Amino acid sequence: MKVRVFYHDKCFDGASSAALFSRFYRERIRSDVDFVFSGLLHRAGALFNEGHFDGDENAIVDFKYSSSPKITWWFDHHESAFLTPADAAHFEQDQSNRKFYDPDFKSCTSFIATVAEDRFGFDPVPVADLVHWTDIIDGALYPDARTAVEMRAPAMKLTMVIESTQDANFVPRLIPMLASKPLAEILAEPFVASLLPPLLERHERSITVLRERIESKEGTIFFDITDHDLEGYNKFVPYFVHPECTYSVGLSKSSFRVKVSVGSNPWAEVEPQVNLAKICERYGGGGHARVGAISFDVNQHEAARKAASEIVEELRASMRG
């Protein structure tokens, strides 16, 4: 039996959610199963291709809802989980006991662990460390910006590799290990360890670039690094460089999109009041109340910059008010 698991790609919580779901499924639903892991990314245009839903069962974890009848399992914790009101209504009417949503969870991994234990008798103890670290990383529960930027823990280094890799086979290869091995052991695997030195060097370069590019004004940071290959930069660097700021808006570019990242400082002296998911939804993006993003087509740099400029002004106005 083939189960295809779609997960939020280039994301530690996305990969971990796929890992935990597959372990839970094998232990509590059926064991004679072959898993195929497929990453999904937020991009301009359609997020799903119905033709890819080719498993005997198809699951989506840590990503937006699809009303396709071919999707048999769904778990998400993002405030912006539904592309349309019709999708939200479709979810509300679902009677399968296989689709679950709760935006109060810090990570989708911890959400899956909780539901799997409560509803299906899954034992989450063997994956407790993975759940612990996805909550810290996805919930930005670091004690300070320096800890978040220094990335000493194995989970944080794995996050950097996952967010930066250009190899489509890397995360699907990693996911089964996340379900069964200690994080430090995974980090020592040759196919992972060999990627670290250049990425750590790139991380140091990104700190230098962001120091130069950031414009800090009225509690809100803005920067444009679309001329650098730095998508997947550590999102806490702006708050490390400018701890006085409450919000940040950044433009970055990859081969397939221009991304507007909107975030809030977890250690801000002035508590964030603006719901960033709601702002991003107006431009076709989404996320959480404290962090969100918008993806534009790679050729829509001006549209992305205009959106970023409007959001910066809105956030600065909120700080003035």
C-alpha atoms as a PDB file:
ATOM      1  CA  MET A   1       0.000   0.000   0.000  1.00  0.00           C
ATOM      2  CA  LYS A   2       1.289   3.441  -0.935  1.00  0.00           C
ATOM      3  CA  VAL A   3       0.769   6.459   1.307  1.00  0.00           C
ATOM      4  CA  ARG A   4       1.920   9.769  -0.143  1.00  0.00           C
ATOM      5  CA  VAL A   5       2.679  12.365   2.516  1.00  0.00           C
ATOM      6  CA  PHE A   6       2.741  16.016   1.439  1.00  0.00           C
ATOM      7  CA  TYR A   7       4.562  18.315   3.856  1.00  0.00           C
ATOM      8  CA  HIS A   8       5.640  21.958   4.116  1.00  0.00           C
ATOM      9  CA  ASP A   9       8.987  21.870   2.322  1.00  0.00           C
ATOM     10  CA  LYS A  10      12.131  23.742   3.433  1.00  0.00           C
ATOM     11  CA  CYS A  11      10.769  23.692   6.992  1.00  0.00           C
ATOM     12  CA  PHE A  12      11.956  21.745  10.043  1.00  0.00           C
ATOM     13  CA  ASP A  13       8.401  21.441  11.369  1.00  0.00           C
ATOM     14  CA  GLY A  14       7.171  20.316   7.939  1.00  0.00           C
ATOM     15  CA  ALA A  15       9.770  17.536   7.701  1.00  0.00           C
ATOM     16  CA  SER A  16       9.241  16.552  11.338  1.00  0.00           C
ATOM     17  CA  SER A  17       5.459  16.484  10.849  1.00  0.00           C
ATOM     18  CA  ALA A  18       5.885  14.073   7.936  1.00  0.00           C
ATOM     19  CA  ALA A  19       8.221  11.950  10.052  1.00  0.00           C
ATOM     20  CA  LEU A  20       5.881  11.798  13.031  1.00  0.00           C
ATOM     21  CA  PHE A  21       2.808  11.168  10.881  1.00  0.00           C
ATOM     22  CA  SER A  22       4.514   8.256   9.099  1.00  0.00           C
ATOM     23  CA  ARG A  23       5.625   6.697  12.404  1.00  0.00           C
ATOM     24  CA  PHE A  24       2.148   7.093  13.881  1.00  0.00           C
ATOM     25  CA  TYR A  25       0.499   5.675  10.742  1.00  0.00           C
ATOM     26  CA  ARG A  26       2.782   2.644  10.651  1.00  0.00           C
ATOM     27  CA  GLU A  27       2.304   1.933  14.363  1.00  0.00           C
ATOM     28  CA  ARG A  28      -1.421   2.622  14.770  1.00  0.00           C
ATOM     29  CA  ILE A  29      -3.113   2.408  11.338  1.00  0.00           C
ATOM     30  CA  ARG A  30      -1.297  -0.242   9.274  1.00  0.00           C
ATOM     31  CA  SER A  31       2.278  -1.476   8.992  1.00  0.00           C
ATOM     32  CA  ASP A  32       2.345  -2.895   5.423  1.00  0.00           C
ATOM     33  CA  VAL A  33       2.841   0.492   3.811  1.00  0.00           C
ATOM     34  CA  ASP A  34       5.307   2.308   1.581  1.00  0.00           C
ATOM     35  CA  PHE A  35       5.600   6.035   2.258  1.00  0.00           C
ATOM     36  CA  VAL A  36       6.397   8.558  -0.469  1.00  0.00           C
ATOM     37  CA  PHE A  37       7.258  12.052   0.765  1.00  0.00           C
ATOM     38  CA  SER A  38       6.523  15.139  -1.350  1.00  0.00           C
ATOM     39  CA  GLY A  39       7.379  18.712  -0.373  1.00  0.00           C
ATOM     40  CA  LEU A  40       4.947  21.593  -0.943  1.00  0.00           C
ATOM     41  CA  LEU A  41       5.922  25.254  -1.110  1.00  0.00           C
ATOM     42  CA  HIS A  42       3.904  28.437  -0.986  1.00  0.00           C
ATOM     43  CA  ARG A  43       4.167  30.034  -4.402  1.00  0.00           C
ATOM     44  CA  ALA A  44       2.161  32.316  -6.657  1.00  0.00           C
ATOM     45  CA  GLY A  45      -0.727  30.469  -8.332  1.00  0.00           C
ATOM     46  CA  ALA A  46      -2.097  27.000  -7.584  1.00  0.00           C
ATOM     47  CA  LEU A  47      -0.556  25.253  -4.582  1.00  0.00           C
ATOM     48  CA  PHE A  48      -1.774  21.739  -5.440  1.00  0.00           C
ATOM     49  CA  ASN A  49      -1.708  19.521  -8.502  1.00  0.00           C
ATOM     50  CA  GLU A  50      -4.522  16.970  -8.273  1.00  0.00           C
ATOM     51  CA  GLY A  51      -2.499  14.574 -10.395  1.00  0.00           C
ATOM     52  CA  HIS A  52       0.086  14.286  -7.628  1.00  0.00           C
ATOM     53  CA  PHE A  53      -2.500  12.828  -5.212  1.00  0.00           C
ATOM     54  CA  ASP A  54      -1.723   9.309  -6.436  1.00  0.00           C
ATOM     55  CA  GLY A  55      -1.380   7.331  -3.202  1.00  0.00           C
ATOM     56  CA  ASP A  56      -3.811   4.744  -1.890  1.00  0.00           C
ATOM     57  CA  GLU A  57      -3.967   7.297   0.894  1.00  0.00           C
ATOM     58  CA  ASN A  58      -2.788  10.902   0.626  1.00  0.00           C
ATOM     59  CA  ALA A  59      -1.915  13.047   3.637  1.00  0.00           C
ATOM     60  CA  ILE A  60      -1.084  16.751   3.952  1.00  0.00           C
ATOM     61  CA  VAL A  61       0.773  17.930   7.068  1.00  0.00           C
ATOM     62  CA  ASP A  62       1.790  21.464   8.113  1.00  0.00           C
ATOM     63  CA  PHE A  63       0.313  22.965   4.947  1.00  0.00           C
ATOM     64  CA  LYS A  64      -2.910  24.480   3.664  1.00  0.00           C
ATOM     65  CA  TYR A  65      -6.116  22.498   3.312  1.00  0.00           C
ATOM     66  CA  SER A  66      -7.193  20.796   0.096  1.00  0.00           C
ATOM     67  CA  SER A  67     -10.849  19.830  -0.407  1.00  0.00           C
ATOM     68  CA  SER A  68      -9.854  17.107  -2.894  1.00  0.00           C
ATOM     69  CA  PRO A  69     -11.599  13.790  -2.110  1.00  0.00           C
ATOM     70  CA  LYS A  70      -8.227  12.141  -2.676  1.00  0.00           C
ATOM     71  CA  ILE A  71      -6.822  13.731   0.497  1.00  0.00           C
ATOM     72  CA  THR A  72      -7.597  11.330   3.335  1.00  0.00           C
ATOM     73  CA  TRP A  73      -5.518  12.863   6.178  1.00  0.00           C
ATOM     74  CA  TRP A  74      -4.762  16.487   7.054  1.00  0.00           C
ATOM     75  CA  PHE A  75      -3.064  18.182   9.998  1.00  0.00           C
ATOM     76  CA  ASP A  76      -2.263  21.900  10.253  1.00  0.00           C
ATOM     77  CA  HIS A  77      -1.710  24.622  12.845  1.00  0.00           C
ATOM     78  CA  HIS A  78      -1.350  27.769  10.705  1.00  0.00           C
ATOM     79  CA  GLU A  79      -3.897  30.512  11.225  1.00  0.00           C
ATOM     80  CA  SER A  80      -4.060  30.857   7.420  1.00  0.00           C
ATOM     81  CA  ALA A  81      -4.917  27.215   6.813  1.00  0.00           C
ATOM     82  CA  PHE A  82      -7.710  27.662   4.276  1.00  0.00           C
ATOM     83  CA  LEU A  83      -7.311  29.157   0.820  1.00  0.00           C
ATOM     84  CA  THR A  84     -11.033  29.970   0.532  1.00  0.00           C
ATOM     85  CA  PRO A  85     -14.156  30.104   2.747  1.00  0.00           C
ATOM     86  CA  ALA A  86     -15.378  27.096   0.753  1.00  0.00           C
ATOM     87  CA  ASP A  87     -12.342  25.097   1.910  1.00  0.00           C
ATOM     88  CA  ALA A  88     -13.037  26.065   5.533  1.00  0.00           C
ATOM     89  CA  ALA A  89     -16.678  24.988   5.148  1.00  0.00           C
ATOM     90  CA  HIS A  90     -15.590  21.715   3.543  1.00  0.00           C
ATOM     91  CA  PHE A  91     -13.334  20.990   6.535  1.00  0.00           C
ATOM     92  CA  GLU A  92     -16.087  21.841   9.033  1.00  0.00           C
ATOM     93  CA  GLN A  93     -18.417  19.335   7.336  1.00  0.00           C
ATOM     94  CA  ASP A  94     -15.822  16.538   7.250  1.00  0.00           C
ATOM     95  CA  GLN A  95     -16.847  13.435   9.211  1.00  0.00           C
ATOM     96  CA  SER A  96     -13.795  11.264   8.548  1.00  0.00           C
ATOM     97  CA  ASN A  97     -11.995  11.773  11.894  1.00  0.00           C
ATOM     98  CA  ARG A  98      -8.855  12.000   9.766  1.00  0.00           C
ATOM     99  CA  LYS A  99      -8.555  15.782   9.335  1.00  0.00           C
ATOM    100  CA  PHE A 100      -7.436  17.990  12.209  1.00  0.00           C
ATOM    101  CA  TYR A 101      -6.769  21.673  12.772  1.00  0.00           C
ATOM    102  CA  ASP A 102      -5.683  23.722  15.794  1.00  0.00           C
ATOM    103  CA  PRO A 103      -3.853  27.060  15.411  1.00  0.00           C
ATOM    104  CA  ASP A 104      -3.053  27.156  19.138  1.00  0.00           C
ATOM    105  CA  PHE A 105      -0.230  24.612  18.785  1.00  0.00           C
ATOM    106  CA  LYS A 106       3.314  25.941  18.465  1.00  0.00           C
ATOM    107  CA  SER A 107       4.211  23.271  15.923  1.00  0.00           C
ATOM    108  CA  CYS A 108       2.302  20.894  13.682  1.00  0.00           C
ATOM    109  CA  THR A 109       4.554  18.079  14.940  1.00  0.00           C
ATOM    110  CA  SER A 110       3.367  18.523  18.529  1.00  0.00           C
ATOM    111  CA  PHE A 111      -0.212  18.773  17.259  1.00  0.00           C
ATOM    112  CA  ILE A 112       0.066  15.449  15.401  1.00  0.00           C
ATOM    113  CA  ALA A 113       1.679  13.823  18.456  1.00  0.00           C
ATOM    114  CA  THR A 114      -1.173  15.001  20.687  1.00  0.00           C
ATOM    115  CA  VAL A 115      -3.965  13.940  18.329  1.00  0.00           C
ATOM    116  CA  ALA A 116      -2.284  10.600  17.583  1.00  0.00           C
ATOM    117  CA  GLU A 117      -1.959   9.861  21.302  1.00  0.00           C
ATOM    118  CA  ASP A 118      -5.441  11.045  22.313  1.00  0.00           C
ATOM    119  CA  ARG A 119      -7.427   9.618  19.407  1.00  0.00           C
ATOM    120  CA  PHE A 120      -5.400   6.625  18.223  1.00  0.00           C
ATOM    121  CA  GLY A 121      -3.346   5.409  21.212  1.00  0.00           C
ATOM    122  CA  PHE A 122       0.028   6.403  19.742  1.00  0.00           C
ATOM    123  CA  ASP A 123       3.001   6.507  22.145  1.00  0.00           C
ATOM    124  CA  PRO A 124       4.836   9.838  21.603  1.00  0.00           C
ATOM    125  CA  VAL A 125       7.603   9.182  24.162  1.00  0.00           C
ATOM    126  CA  PRO A 126      10.175   7.853  21.610  1.00  0.00           C
ATOM    127  CA  VAL A 127       9.806  11.062  19.574  1.00  0.00           C
ATOM    128  CA  ALA A 128       9.645  13.446  22.552  1.00  0.00           C
ATOM    129  CA  ASP A 129      12.920  15.185  21.662  1.00  0.00           C
ATOM    130  CA  LEU A 130      11.753  15.841  18.102  1.00  0.00           C
ATOM    131  CA  VAL A 131       8.460  17.280  19.389  1.00  0.00           C
ATOM    132  CA  HIS A 132      10.339  19.413  21.929  1.00  0.00           C
ATOM    133  CA  TRP A 133      12.582  20.963  19.285  1.00  0.00           C
ATOM    134  CA  THR A 134       9.858  21.598  16.721  1.00  0.00           C
ATOM    135  CA  ASP A 135       7.987  23.595  19.359  1.00  0.00           C
ATOM    136  CA  ILE A 136      11.114  25.624  20.119  1.00  0.00           C
ATOM    137  CA  ILE A 137      11.999  26.234  16.463  1.00  0.00           C
ATOM    138  CA  ASP A 138       8.519  26.816  15.026  1.00  0.00           C
ATOM    139  CA  GLY A 139       7.345  28.696  18.101  1.00  0.00           C
ATOM    140  CA  ALA A 140      10.536  30.813  18.359  1.00  0.00           C
ATOM    141  CA  LEU A 141      10.885  29.796  22.014  1.00  0.00           C
ATOM    142  CA  TYR A 142      14.601  30.603  22.269  1.00  0.00           C
ATOM    143  CA  PRO A 143      15.749  32.466  25.391  1.00  0.00           C
ATOM    144  CA  ASP A 144      17.279  35.271  23.293  1.00  0.00           C
ATOM    145  CA  ALA A 145      18.243  36.285  19.764  1.00  0.00           C
ATOM    146  CA  ARG A 146      21.889  35.287  20.238  1.00  0.00           C
ATOM    147  CA  THR A 147      20.897  31.672  20.968  1.00  0.00           C
ATOM    148  CA  ALA A 148      18.681  31.641  17.862  1.00  0.00           C
ATOM    149  CA  VAL A 149      21.481  33.015  15.665  1.00  0.00           C
ATOM    150  CA  GLU A 150      24.358  30.926  17.061  1.00  0.00           C
ATOM    151  CA  MET A 151      22.459  27.675  16.249  1.00  0.00           C
ATOM    152  CA  ARG A 152      24.485  25.376  18.509  1.00  0.00           C
ATOM    153  CA  ALA A 153      21.841  22.659  18.960  1.00  0.00           C
ATOM    154  CA  PRO A 154      21.675  19.838  16.363  1.00  0.00           C
ATOM    155  CA  ALA A 155      18.014  20.651  15.611  1.00  0.00           C
ATOM    156  CA  MET A 156      18.934  24.226  14.729  1.00  0.00           C
ATOM    157  CA  LYS A 157      21.704  23.117  12.383  1.00  0.00           C
ATOM    158  CA  LEU A 158      19.312  20.636  10.754  1.00  0.00           C
ATOM    159  CA  THR A 159      16.831  23.481  10.303  1.00  0.00           C
ATOM    160  CA  MET A 160      19.461  25.496   8.458  1.00  0.00           C
ATOM    161  CA  VAL A 161      20.211  22.574   6.125  1.00  0.00           C
ATOM    162  CA  ILE A 162      16.516  21.852   5.481  1.00  0.00           C
ATOM    163  CA  GLU A 163      15.741  25.502   4.712  1.00  0.00           C
ATOM    164  CA  SER A 164      18.734  25.907   2.390  1.00  0.00           C
ATOM    165  CA  THR A 165      18.953  22.655   0.427  1.00  0.00           C
ATOM    166  CA  GLN A 166      18.385  22.742  -3.329  1.00  0.00           C
ATOM    167  CA  ASP A 167      18.376  18.916  -3.553  1.00  0.00           C
ATOM    168  CA  ALA A 168      14.778  17.693  -3.987  1.00  0.00           C
ATOM    169  CA  ASN A 169      15.755  14.262  -2.607  1.00  0.00           C
ATOM    170  CA  PHE A 170      17.427  15.526   0.574  1.00  0.00           C
ATOM    171  CA  VAL A 171      14.385  16.034   2.843  1.00  0.00           C
ATOM    172  CA  PRO A 172      12.559  12.841   1.714  1.00  0.00           C
ATOM    173  CA  ARG A 173      15.761  10.966   2.607  1.00  0.00           C
ATOM    174  CA  LEU A 174      15.943  12.750   5.967  1.00  0.00           C
ATOM    175  CA  ILE A 175      12.317  12.258   7.046  1.00  0.00           C
ATOM    176  CA  PRO A 176      12.500   8.517   7.945  1.00  0.00           C
ATOM    177  CA  MET A 177      15.548   9.277  10.103  1.00  0.00           C
ATOM    178  CA  LEU A 178      13.726  12.057  11.947  1.00  0.00           C
ATOM    179  CA  ALA A 179      11.121   9.461  12.895  1.00  0.00           C
ATOM    180  CA  SER A 180      13.619   7.016  14.344  1.00  0.00           C
ATOM    181  CA  LYS A 181      17.045   8.499  15.198  1.00  0.00           C
ATOM    182  CA  PRO A 182      18.425  11.066  17.675  1.00  0.00           C
ATOM    183  CA  LEU A 183      18.965  14.478  16.067  1.00  0.00           C
ATOM    184  CA  ALA A 184      22.707  14.548  16.864  1.00  0.00           C
ATOM    185  CA  GLU A 185      23.100  11.180  15.134  1.00  0.00           C
ATOM    186  CA  ILE A 186      21.267  12.445  12.033  1.00  0.00           C
ATOM    187  CA  LEU A 187      23.478  15.545  11.929  1.00  0.00           C
ATOM    188  CA  ALA A 188      26.550  13.259  11.843  1.00  0.00           C
ATOM    189  CA  GLU A 189      25.303  11.345   8.791  1.00  0.00           C
ATOM    190  CA  PRO A 190      27.785  12.029   5.946  1.00  0.00           C
ATOM    191  CA  PHE A 191      25.097  13.286   3.529  1.00  0.00           C
ATOM    192  CA  VAL A 192      24.082  15.871   6.169  1.00  0.00           C
ATOM    193  CA  ALA A 193      27.440  16.685   7.779  1.00  0.00           C
ATOM    194  CA  SER A 194      29.078  17.459   4.422  1.00  0.00           C
ATOM    195  CA  LEU A 195      26.578  20.286   3.822  1.00  0.00           C
ATOM    196  CA  LEU A 196      27.230  22.113   7.080  1.00  0.00           C
ATOM    197  CA  PRO A 197      30.557  23.961   6.551  1.00  0.00           C
ATOM    198  CA  PRO A 198      29.470  25.970   3.461  1.00  0.00           C
ATOM    199  CA  LEU A 199      26.086  26.701   5.041  1.00  0.00           C
ATOM    200  CA  LEU A 200      27.659  27.988   8.256  1.00  0.00           C
ATOM    201  CA  GLU A 201      29.904  30.215   6.132  1.00  0.00           C
ATOM    202  CA  ARG A 202      26.814  31.440   4.207  1.00  0.00           C
ATOM    203  CA  HIS A 203      25.101  32.134   7.537  1.00  0.00           C
ATOM    204  CA  GLU A 204      27.989  34.351   8.657  1.00  0.00           C
ATOM    205  CA  ARG A 205      27.846  36.172   5.307  1.00  0.00           C
ATOM    206  CA  SER A 206      24.095  36.721   5.701  1.00  0.00           C
ATOM    207  CA  ILE A 207      24.672  38.450   9.050  1.00  0.00           C
ATOM    208  CA  THR A 208      27.108  40.846   7.357  1.00  0.00           C
ATOM    209  CA  VAL A 209      24.708  41.511   4.451  1.00  0.00           C
ATOM    210  CA  LEU A 210      21.748  42.104   6.749  1.00  0.00           C
ATOM    211  CA  ARG A 211      23.753  44.491   8.938  1.00  0.00           C
ATOM    212  CA  GLU A 212      24.425  46.545   5.814  1.00  0.00           C
ATOM    213  CA  ARG A 213      20.941  46.351   4.287  1.00  0.00           C
ATOM    214  CA  ILE A 214      18.580  46.786   7.217  1.00  0.00           C
ATOM    215  CA  GLU A 215      16.719  50.059   7.537  1.00  0.00           C
ATOM    216  CA  SER A 216      15.453  50.367  11.110  1.00  0.00           C
ATOM    217  CA  LYS A 217      12.806  53.004  11.788  1.00  0.00           C
ATOM    218  CA  GLU A 218       9.769  53.396  14.057  1.00  0.00           C
ATOM    219  CA  GLY A 219      10.107  49.910  15.520  1.00  0.00           C
ATOM    220  CA  THR A 220      10.052  48.223  12.102  1.00  0.00           C
ATOM    221  CA  ILE A 221      12.926  46.758  10.087  1.00  0.00           C
ATOM    222  CA  PHE A 222      12.963  46.630   6.292  1.00  0.00           C
ATOM    223  CA  PHE A 223      15.552  44.992   4.022  1.00  0.00           C
ATOM    224  CA  ASP A 224      15.835  43.803   0.429  1.00  0.00           C
ATOM    225  CA  ILE A 225      18.332  40.994  -0.274  1.00  0.00           C
ATOM    226  CA  THR A 226      16.876  39.862  -3.617  1.00  0.00           C
ATOM    227  CA  ASP A 227      20.274  40.437  -5.246  1.00  0.00           C
ATOM    228  CA  HIS A 228      21.848  37.808  -2.966  1.00  0.00           C
ATOM    229  CA  ASP A 229      21.333  34.036  -2.850  1.00  0.00           C
ATOM    230  CA  LEU A 230      20.099  34.155   0.737  1.00  0.00           C
ATOM    231  CA  GLU A 231      16.534  32.834   0.798  1.00  0.00           C
ATOM    232  CA  GLY A 232      16.365  30.616   3.871  1.00  0.00           C
ATOM    233  CA  TYR A 233      18.454  33.077   5.929  1.00  0.00           C
ATOM    234  CA  ASN A 234      18.072  32.787   9.694  1.00  0.00           C
ATOM    235  CA  LYS A 235      14.971  34.900  10.388  1.00  0.00           C
ATOM    236  CA  PHE A 236      16.231  35.921  13.836  1.00  0.00           C
ATOM    237  CA  VAL A 237      19.293  37.744  12.541  1.00  0.00           C
ATOM    238  CA  PRO A 238      17.365  41.050  12.116  1.00  0.00           C
ATOM    239  CA  TYR A 239      16.412  41.007  15.813  1.00  0.00           C
ATOM    240  CA  PHE A 240      19.962  40.101  16.808  1.00  0.00           C
ATOM    241  CA  VAL A 241      21.268  43.090  14.830  1.00  0.00           C
ATOM    242  CA  HIS A 242      18.430  45.444  15.870  1.00  0.00           C
ATOM    243  CA  PRO A 243      17.000  44.224  19.198  1.00  0.00           C
ATOM    244  CA  GLU A 244      15.037  47.465  19.619  1.00  0.00           C
ATOM    245  CA  CYS A 245      12.658  46.576  16.776  1.00  0.00           C
ATOM    246  CA  THR A 246       9.237  44.953  17.108  1.00  0.00           C
ATOM    247  CA  TYR A 247       8.553  44.016  13.453  1.00  0.00           C
ATOM    248  CA  SER A 248      10.577  43.051  10.388  1.00  0.00           C
ATOM    249  CA  VAL A 249       9.719  42.949   6.689  1.00  0.00           C
ATOM    250  CA  GLY A 250      12.206  41.380   4.291  1.00  0.00           C
ATOM    251  CA  LEU A 251      12.402  40.713   0.553  1.00  0.00           C
ATOM    252  CA  SER A 252      14.325  37.671  -0.691  1.00  0.00           C
ATOM    253  CA  LYS A 253      14.470  35.751  -3.951  1.00  0.00           C
ATOM    254  CA  SER A 254      14.906  32.153  -5.088  1.00  0.00           C
ATOM    255  CA  SER A 255      14.704  30.426  -8.460  1.00  0.00           C
ATOM    256  CA  PHE A 256      10.895  30.275  -8.396  1.00  0.00           C
ATOM    257  CA  ARG A 257       9.619  33.143  -6.244  1.00  0.00           C
ATOM    258  CA  VAL A 258      10.149  36.512  -4.648  1.00  0.00           C
ATOM    259  CA  LYS A 259       9.229  36.217  -0.988  1.00  0.00           C
ATOM    260  CA  VAL A 260       8.017  38.882   1.418  1.00  0.00           C
ATOM    261  CA  SER A 261       8.740  37.704   4.967  1.00  0.00           C
ATOM    262  CA  VAL A 262       6.882  39.477   7.763  1.00  0.00           C
ATOM    263  CA  GLY A 263       7.806  38.782  11.361  1.00  0.00           C
ATOM    264  CA  SER A 264       7.754  40.044  14.924  1.00  0.00           C
ATOM    265  CA  ASN A 265      10.559  40.093  17.468  1.00  0.00           C
ATOM    266  CA  PRO A 266       9.967  37.354  20.103  1.00  0.00           C
ATOM    267  CA  TRP A 267      12.015  39.412  22.580  1.00  0.00           C
ATOM    268  CA  ALA A 268      10.594  42.842  21.728  1.00  0.00           C
ATOM    269  CA  GLU A 269      10.304  45.424  24.498  1.00  0.00           C
ATOM    270  CA  VAL A 270       7.083  46.620  22.857  1.00  0.00           C
ATOM    271  CA  GLU A 271       4.642  43.717  22.553  1.00  0.00           C
ATOM    272  CA  PRO A 272       3.474  43.080  18.941  1.00  0.00           C
ATOM    273  CA  GLN A 273      -0.207  43.929  18.510  1.00  0.00           C
ATOM    274  CA  VAL A 274      -0.742  43.433  14.773  1.00  0.00           C
ATOM    275  CA  ASN A 275      -1.937  40.062  13.428  1.00  0.00           C
ATOM    276  CA  LEU A 276       0.610  39.398  10.662  1.00  0.00           C
ATOM    277  CA  ALA A 277      -1.294  36.453   9.184  1.00  0.00           C
ATOM    278  CA  LYS A 278      -4.229  38.746   8.436  1.00  0.00           C
ATOM    279  CA  ILE A 279      -1.955  41.267   6.708  1.00  0.00           C
ATOM    280  CA  CYS A 280      -0.303  38.569   4.577  1.00  0.00           C
ATOM    281  CA  GLU A 281      -3.664  37.065   3.638  1.00  0.00           C
ATOM    282  CA  ARG A 282      -4.617  40.337   1.933  1.00  0.00           C
ATOM    283  CA  TYR A 283      -1.766  39.743  -0.541  1.00  0.00           C
ATOM    284  CA  GLY A 284      -2.436  36.029  -1.037  1.00  0.00           C
ATOM    285  CA  GLY A 285      -0.070  34.829   1.689  1.00  0.00           C
ATOM    286  CA  GLY A 286      -0.602  33.791   5.292  1.00  0.00           C
ATOM    287  CA  GLY A 287       1.003  32.292   8.362  1.00  0.00           C
ATOM    288  CA  HIS A 288       0.601  32.905  12.081  1.00  0.00           C
ATOM    289  CA  ALA A 289      -0.331  35.953  14.133  1.00  0.00           C
ATOM    290  CA  ARG A 290       3.352  36.631  14.836  1.00  0.00           C
ATOM    291  CA  VAL A 291       4.971  35.553  11.569  1.00  0.00           C
ATOM    292  CA  GLY A 292       3.806  35.305   7.979  1.00  0.00           C
ATOM    293  CA  ALA A 293       4.912  35.414   4.352  1.00  0.00           C
ATOM    294  CA  ILE A 294       3.745  36.151   0.824  1.00  0.00           C
ATOM    295  CA  SER A 295       5.080  34.473  -2.319  1.00  0.00           C
ATOM    296  CA  PHE A 296       5.168  36.295  -5.651  1.00  0.00           C
ATOM    297  CA  ASP A 297       6.139  34.918  -9.035  1.00  0.00           C
ATOM    298  CA  VAL A 298       9.869  35.263  -9.652  1.00  0.00           C
ATOM    299  CA  ASN A 299       9.179  37.971 -12.272  1.00  0.00           C
ATOM    300  CA  GLN A 300       6.970  40.046  -9.950  1.00  0.00           C
ATOM    301  CA  HIS A 301       9.715  41.812  -8.032  1.00  0.00           C
ATOM    302  CA  GLU A 302       8.017  45.220  -8.267  1.00  0.00           C
ATOM    303  CA  ALA A 303       4.699  43.855  -7.004  1.00  0.00           C
ATOM    304  CA  ALA A 304       6.510  42.194  -4.102  1.00  0.00           C
ATOM    305  CA  ARG A 305       8.398  45.366  -3.290  1.00  0.00           C
ATOM    306  CA  LYS A 306       5.166  47.399  -3.403  1.00  0.00           C
ATOM    307  CA  ALA A 307       3.477  44.968  -0.995  1.00  0.00           C
ATOM    308  CA  ALA A 308       6.488  45.052   1.323  1.00  0.00           C
ATOM    309  CA  SER A 309       6.502  48.862   1.274  1.00  0.00           C
ATOM    310  CA  GLU A 310       2.788  49.015   2.142  1.00  0.00           C
ATOM    311  CA  ILE A 311       3.208  46.530   4.980  1.00  0.00           C
ATOM    312  CA  VAL A 312       6.214  48.419   6.368  1.00  0.00           C
ATOM    313  CA  GLU A 313       4.187  51.635   6.416  1.00  0.00           C
ATOM    314  CA  GLU A 314       1.234  49.891   8.079  1.00  0.00           C
ATOM    315  CA  LEU A 315       3.446  48.427  10.794  1.00  0.00           C
ATOM    316  CA  ARG A 316       5.268  51.714  11.392  1.00  0.00           C
ATOM    317  CA  ALA A 317       1.916  53.480  11.631  1.00  0.00           C
ATOM    318  CA  SER A 318       0.799  50.933  14.245  1.00  0.00           C
ATOM    319  CA  MET A 319       3.908  51.700  16.287  1.00  0.00           C
ATOM    320  CA  ARG A 320       3.211  55.449  16.046  1.00  0.00           C
ATOM    321  CA  GLY A 321      -0.378  54.941  17.147  1.00  0.00           C
END
